[in-house]
Amino acid sequence: MVGRTKGYRKPKENYVKEYQYELRLLASGLSLKIVSKITGRSVNTLRKLKQYI
């Protein structure tokens, strides 16, 4: 098999470490679209990150 195993998800610690700047912007109250434009990250990625705030 090639690729990620089925159902794989990064641990919370990895997300927090990798996306510190994005999490800080989201925590400050900015919208997903604004943070997406600032950082260049996908809105769906930011949606996943929002659960860690």
C-alpha atoms as a PDB file:
ATOM      1  CA  MET A   1       0.000   0.000   0.000  1.00  0.00           C
ATOM      2  CA  VAL A   2       1.067   3.524  -0.677  1.00  0.00           C
ATOM      3  CA  GLY A   3       0.099   6.690   1.174  1.00  0.00           C
ATOM      4  CA  ARG A   4      -1.509   7.306   4.539  1.00  0.00           C
ATOM      5  CA  THR A   5      -3.253   4.533   6.400  1.00  0.00           C
ATOM      6  CA  LYS A   6      -7.029   4.666   6.414  1.00  0.00           C
ATOM      7  CA  GLY A   7      -8.432   6.910   9.125  1.00  0.00           C
ATOM      8  CA  TYR A   8      -5.068   8.510   9.916  1.00  0.00           C
ATOM      9  CA  ARG A   9      -5.121  11.892  11.638  1.00  0.00           C
ATOM     10  CA  LYS A  10      -2.261  13.980  12.956  1.00  0.00           C
ATOM     11  CA  PRO A  11      -2.160  14.326  16.734  1.00  0.00           C
ATOM     12  CA  LYS A  12      -3.385  17.641  18.152  1.00  0.00           C
ATOM     13  CA  GLU A  13       0.131  18.578  19.273  1.00  0.00           C
ATOM     14  CA  ASN A  14       1.396  18.412  15.682  1.00  0.00           C
ATOM     15  CA  TYR A  15      -1.374  20.710  14.416  1.00  0.00           C
ATOM     16  CA  VAL A  16      -0.758  23.240  17.197  1.00  0.00           C
ATOM     17  CA  LYS A  17       2.986  23.209  16.526  1.00  0.00           C
ATOM     18  CA  GLU A  18       2.676  23.447  12.725  1.00  0.00           C
ATOM     19  CA  TYR A  19      -0.058  26.101  12.584  1.00  0.00           C
ATOM     20  CA  GLN A  20       0.783  28.420  15.506  1.00  0.00           C
ATOM     21  CA  TYR A  21       0.341  31.624  13.506  1.00  0.00           C
ATOM     22  CA  GLU A  22      -2.996  30.555  12.014  1.00  0.00           C
ATOM     23  CA  LEU A  23      -4.332  29.517  15.417  1.00  0.00           C
ATOM     24  CA  ARG A  24      -3.306  32.861  16.908  1.00  0.00           C
ATOM     25  CA  LEU A  25      -5.170  34.750  14.146  1.00  0.00           C
ATOM     26  CA  LEU A  26      -8.284  32.593  14.552  1.00  0.00           C
ATOM     27  CA  ALA A  27      -8.224  33.058  18.326  1.00  0.00           C
ATOM     28  CA  SER A  28      -8.104  36.828  17.862  1.00  0.00           C
ATOM     29  CA  GLY A  29     -11.542  36.660  16.237  1.00  0.00           C
ATOM     30  CA  LEU A  30     -10.719  37.020  12.540  1.00  0.00           C
ATOM     31  CA  SER A  31     -12.943  35.165  10.076  1.00  0.00           C
ATOM     32  CA  LEU A  32     -11.846  32.028   8.235  1.00  0.00           C
ATOM     33  CA  LYS A  33     -11.747  33.824   4.879  1.00  0.00           C
ATOM     34  CA  ILE A  34      -9.602  36.678   6.171  1.00  0.00           C
ATOM     35  CA  VAL A  35      -7.136  34.302   7.845  1.00  0.00           C
ATOM     36  CA  SER A  36      -7.059  32.256   4.635  1.00  0.00           C
ATOM     37  CA  LYS A  37      -6.116  35.321   2.585  1.00  0.00           C
ATOM     38  CA  ILE A  38      -3.434  36.386   5.089  1.00  0.00           C
ATOM     39  CA  THR A  39      -1.786  32.969   5.438  1.00  0.00           C
ATOM     40  CA  GLY A  40      -2.555  31.286   2.121  1.00  0.00           C
ATOM     41  CA  ARG A  41      -4.031  28.262   3.916  1.00  0.00           C
ATOM     42  CA  SER A  42      -7.197  26.568   2.754  1.00  0.00           C
ATOM     43  CA  VAL A  43     -10.465  27.483   4.491  1.00  0.00           C
ATOM     44  CA  ASN A  44     -11.063  23.780   5.150  1.00  0.00           C
ATOM     45  CA  THR A  45      -7.681  23.467   6.884  1.00  0.00           C
ATOM     46  CA  LEU A  46      -8.547  26.475   9.040  1.00  0.00           C
ATOM     47  CA  ARG A  47     -11.924  24.931   9.847  1.00  0.00           C
ATOM     48  CA  LYS A  48     -10.108  21.869  11.198  1.00  0.00           C
ATOM     49  CA  LEU A  49      -7.794  24.076  13.241  1.00  0.00           C
ATOM     50  CA  LYS A  50     -10.658  26.058  14.773  1.00  0.00           C
ATOM     51  CA  GLN A  51     -11.630  23.052  16.911  1.00  0.00           C
ATOM     52  CA  TYR A  52      -8.257  23.307  18.712  1.00  0.00           C
ATOM     53  CA  ILE A  53      -8.874  26.832  20.031  1.00  0.00           C
END
